[in-house]
Amino acid sequence: MTREVLIKKTIDNLAKLPDQKLKEVSDFAEFLLNRIENQLLTEGIQKLVSDSKTYKFLEREEDLYTVNDLKERYK
């Protein structure tokens, strides 16, 4: 089913709903859009941080501990 057909079918179904159910559908659609927006913001922030040179100095820092420093290993 194409996007246009799905949108048309959804609009037709929405027109048949009572007001209270229409409000529920509207709230749910808003929830989905907010979730997508939050995911995009999170991904954008992660990309900014990963591209940032702020923590590059940590790559040059020698390791403080090695596997030999472990008292116990978990599998």
N, C-alpha and C. Protein backbone atom coordinates (compact mmCIF):
# COMPACT_ATOMS: atom_id res chain seq x y z
N MET A 1 0.85 -1.17 0.00
CA MET A 1 0.00 0.00 0.00
C MET A 1 0.90 1.24 0.00
N THR A 2 0.62 2.16 -0.88
CA THR A 2 1.45 3.36 -0.97
C THR A 2 1.10 4.32 0.17
N ARG A 3 1.97 5.26 0.38
CA ARG A 3 1.79 6.26 1.43
C ARG A 3 0.50 7.05 1.21
N GLU A 4 0.26 7.46 -0.03
CA GLU A 4 -0.91 8.26 -0.33
C GLU A 4 -2.21 7.49 -0.06
N VAL A 5 -2.23 6.22 -0.44
CA VAL A 5 -3.41 5.38 -0.22
C VAL A 5 -3.63 5.19 1.28
N LEU A 6 -2.55 4.96 2.02
CA LEU A 6 -2.65 4.77 3.46
C LEU A 6 -3.16 6.04 4.16
N ILE A 7 -2.67 7.19 3.73
CA ILE A 7 -3.13 8.47 4.30
C ILE A 7 -4.61 8.67 4.01
N LYS A 8 -5.03 8.41 2.78
CA LYS A 8 -6.44 8.57 2.40
C LYS A 8 -7.32 7.64 3.22
N LYS A 9 -6.91 6.39 3.37
CA LYS A 9 -7.68 5.41 4.14
C LYS A 9 -7.77 5.85 5.61
N THR A 10 -6.69 6.35 6.14
CA THR A 10 -6.68 6.81 7.54
C THR A 10 -7.59 8.01 7.73
N ILE A 11 -7.56 8.94 6.81
CA ILE A 11 -8.44 10.12 6.89
C ILE A 11 -9.90 9.70 6.81
N ASP A 12 -10.19 8.77 5.94
CA ASP A 12 -11.57 8.27 5.83
C ASP A 12 -12.01 7.63 7.15
N ASN A 13 -11.15 6.86 7.75
CA ASN A 13 -11.47 6.22 9.03
C ASN A 13 -11.60 7.25 10.15
N LEU A 14 -10.75 8.26 10.14
CA LEU A 14 -10.81 9.30 11.17
C LEU A 14 -12.14 10.06 11.11
N ALA A 15 -12.64 10.27 9.92
CA ALA A 15 -13.90 11.00 9.75
C ALA A 15 -15.07 10.23 10.37
N LYS A 16 -14.93 8.93 10.52
CA LYS A 16 -16.01 8.09 11.07
C LYS A 16 -15.95 7.99 12.60
N LEU A 17 -14.87 8.39 13.20
CA LEU A 17 -14.69 8.23 14.64
C LEU A 17 -15.46 9.29 15.43
N PRO A 18 -15.92 8.93 16.64
CA PRO A 18 -16.50 9.94 17.52
C PRO A 18 -15.40 10.87 18.03
N ASP A 19 -15.82 12.02 18.55
CA ASP A 19 -14.86 13.06 18.96
C ASP A 19 -13.82 12.55 19.95
N GLN A 20 -14.25 11.79 20.96
CA GLN A 20 -13.31 11.32 21.99
C GLN A 20 -12.23 10.41 21.38
N LYS A 21 -12.63 9.52 20.52
CA LYS A 21 -11.66 8.61 19.88
C LYS A 21 -10.75 9.38 18.93
N LEU A 22 -11.28 10.40 18.29
CA LEU A 22 -10.48 11.24 17.40
C LEU A 22 -9.39 11.94 18.20
N LYS A 23 -9.74 12.40 19.41
CA LYS A 23 -8.77 13.05 20.29
C LYS A 23 -7.68 12.05 20.69
N GLU A 24 -8.04 10.80 20.96
CA GLU A 24 -7.05 9.77 21.31
C GLU A 24 -6.08 9.53 20.16
N VAL A 25 -6.61 9.45 18.96
CA VAL A 25 -5.76 9.24 17.78
C VAL A 25 -4.82 10.42 17.59
N SER A 26 -5.35 11.62 17.78
CA SER A 26 -4.53 12.83 17.64
C SER A 26 -3.41 12.84 18.68
N ASP A 27 -3.75 12.50 19.92
CA ASP A 27 -2.74 12.45 20.98
C ASP A 27 -1.67 11.41 20.67
N PHE A 28 -2.09 10.26 20.16
CA PHE A 28 -1.13 9.20 19.83
C PHE A 28 -0.22 9.62 18.68
N ALA A 29 -0.78 10.26 17.67
CA ALA A 29 0.04 10.74 16.56
C ALA A 29 1.05 11.76 17.05
N GLU A 30 0.63 12.64 17.96
CA GLU A 30 1.55 13.62 18.53
C GLU A 30 2.65 12.94 19.35
N PHE A 31 2.30 11.91 20.09
CA PHE A 31 3.27 11.13 20.85
C PHE A 31 4.32 10.51 19.92
N LEU A 32 3.86 9.90 18.83
CA LEU A 32 4.78 9.29 17.87
C LEU A 32 5.73 10.32 17.26
N LEU A 33 5.19 11.47 16.90
CA LEU A 33 6.02 12.52 16.32
C LEU A 33 7.05 13.04 17.32
N ASN A 34 6.66 13.20 18.58
CA ASN A 34 7.59 13.64 19.62
C ASN A 34 8.70 12.61 19.83
N ARG A 35 8.33 11.34 19.79
CA ARG A 35 9.33 10.28 19.96
C ARG A 35 10.35 10.29 18.82
N ILE A 36 9.86 10.48 17.60
CA ILE A 36 10.76 10.55 16.44
C ILE A 36 11.66 11.78 16.57
N GLU A 37 11.09 12.91 16.97
CA GLU A 37 11.87 14.14 17.13
C GLU A 37 12.95 13.95 18.20
N ASN A 38 12.59 13.33 19.32
CA ASN A 38 13.57 13.09 20.38
C ASN A 38 14.68 12.17 19.92
N GLN A 39 14.33 11.16 19.13
CA GLN A 39 15.34 10.24 18.60
C GLN A 39 16.30 10.99 17.67
N LEU A 40 15.76 11.85 16.82
CA LEU A 40 16.61 12.62 15.91
C LEU A 40 17.52 13.57 16.68
N LEU A 41 16.98 14.19 17.73
CA LEU A 41 17.81 15.08 18.56
C LEU A 41 18.92 14.30 19.25
N THR A 42 18.59 13.14 19.78
CA THR A 42 19.60 12.31 20.46
C THR A 42 20.69 11.89 19.49
N GLU A 43 20.30 11.46 18.30
CA GLU A 43 21.30 11.06 17.30
C GLU A 43 22.16 12.24 16.89
N GLY A 44 21.55 13.42 16.77
CA GLY A 44 22.31 14.62 16.42
C GLY A 44 23.32 14.98 17.49
N ILE A 45 22.90 14.89 18.75
CA ILE A 45 23.81 15.19 19.85
C ILE A 45 24.94 14.17 19.89
N GLN A 46 24.62 12.91 19.70
CA GLN A 46 25.66 11.87 19.68
C GLN A 46 26.67 12.13 18.57
N LYS A 47 26.19 12.56 17.42
CA LYS A 47 27.10 12.84 16.30
C LYS A 47 27.98 14.03 16.62
N LEU A 48 27.40 15.08 17.20
CA LEU A 48 28.20 16.25 17.59
C LEU A 48 29.29 15.87 18.58
N VAL A 49 28.94 15.07 19.55
CA VAL A 49 29.92 14.67 20.57
C VAL A 49 30.99 13.79 19.96
N SER A 50 30.60 12.86 19.10
CA SER A 50 31.60 11.96 18.52
C SER A 50 32.53 12.70 17.55
N ASP A 51 32.03 13.74 16.90
CA ASP A 51 32.86 14.51 15.98
C ASP A 51 33.69 15.57 16.71
N SER A 52 33.35 15.84 17.95
CA SER A 52 34.02 16.87 18.72
C SER A 52 35.45 16.47 19.07
N LYS A 53 36.29 17.45 19.18
CA LYS A 53 37.68 17.20 19.54
C LYS A 53 37.90 17.38 21.05
N THR A 54 36.83 17.60 21.78
CA THR A 54 36.93 17.86 23.21
C THR A 54 37.59 16.72 23.97
N TYR A 55 37.26 15.49 23.62
CA TYR A 55 37.79 14.35 24.36
C TYR A 55 38.90 13.61 23.60
N LYS A 56 39.44 14.22 22.58
CA LYS A 56 40.50 13.57 21.80
C LYS A 56 41.74 13.28 22.65
N PHE A 57 41.97 14.09 23.68
CA PHE A 57 43.14 13.89 24.52
C PHE A 57 43.10 12.52 25.21
N LEU A 58 41.91 11.97 25.38
CA LEU A 58 41.80 10.66 26.01
C LEU A 58 42.35 9.54 25.14
N GLU A 59 42.36 9.75 23.84
CA GLU A 59 42.91 8.74 22.93
C GLU A 59 44.42 8.62 23.10
N ARG A 60 45.08 9.70 23.49
CA ARG A 60 46.53 9.69 23.65
C ARG A 60 46.96 9.23 25.04
N GLU A 61 46.01 9.20 25.96
CA GLU A 61 46.31 8.85 27.34
C GLU A 61 46.59 7.35 27.45
N GLU A 62 47.64 7.02 28.19
CA GLU A 62 47.96 5.61 28.36
C GLU A 62 46.96 4.96 29.31
N ASP A 63 46.79 3.65 29.16
CA ASP A 63 45.85 2.93 30.01
C ASP A 63 46.37 2.85 31.43
N LEU A 64 45.50 3.13 32.39
CA LEU A 64 45.89 3.06 33.79
C LEU A 64 45.91 1.64 34.31
N TYR A 65 45.04 0.83 33.78
CA TYR A 65 44.93 -0.54 34.24
C TYR A 65 44.98 -1.49 33.06
N THR A 66 45.41 -2.70 33.33
CA THR A 66 45.44 -3.74 32.30
C THR A 66 44.65 -4.93 32.81
N VAL A 67 44.52 -5.94 31.99
CA VAL A 67 43.83 -7.16 32.37
C VAL A 67 44.54 -7.82 33.55
N ASN A 68 45.85 -7.66 33.62
CA ASN A 68 46.62 -8.26 34.72
C ASN A 68 46.27 -7.65 36.07
N ASP A 69 45.68 -6.47 36.08
CA ASP A 69 45.31 -5.81 37.34
C ASP A 69 44.01 -6.37 37.93
N LEU A 70 43.29 -7.15 37.15
CA LEU A 70 42.02 -7.69 37.62
C LEU A 70 42.23 -8.74 38.70
N LYS A 71 41.41 -8.71 39.72
CA LYS A 71 41.47 -9.73 40.76
C LYS A 71 40.64 -10.93 40.36
N GLU A 72 39.56 -10.68 39.61
CA GLU A 72 38.66 -11.74 39.23
C GLU A 72 38.07 -11.42 37.86
N ARG A 73 37.95 -12.45 37.03
CA ARG A 73 37.37 -12.27 35.70
C ARG A 73 36.00 -12.90 35.64
N TYR A 74 35.07 -12.20 35.02
CA TYR A 74 33.72 -12.72 34.82
C TYR A 74 33.57 -13.13 33.37
N LYS A 75 32.89 -14.22 33.17
CA LYS A 75 32.72 -14.74 31.80
C LYS A 75 31.36 -14.42 31.29
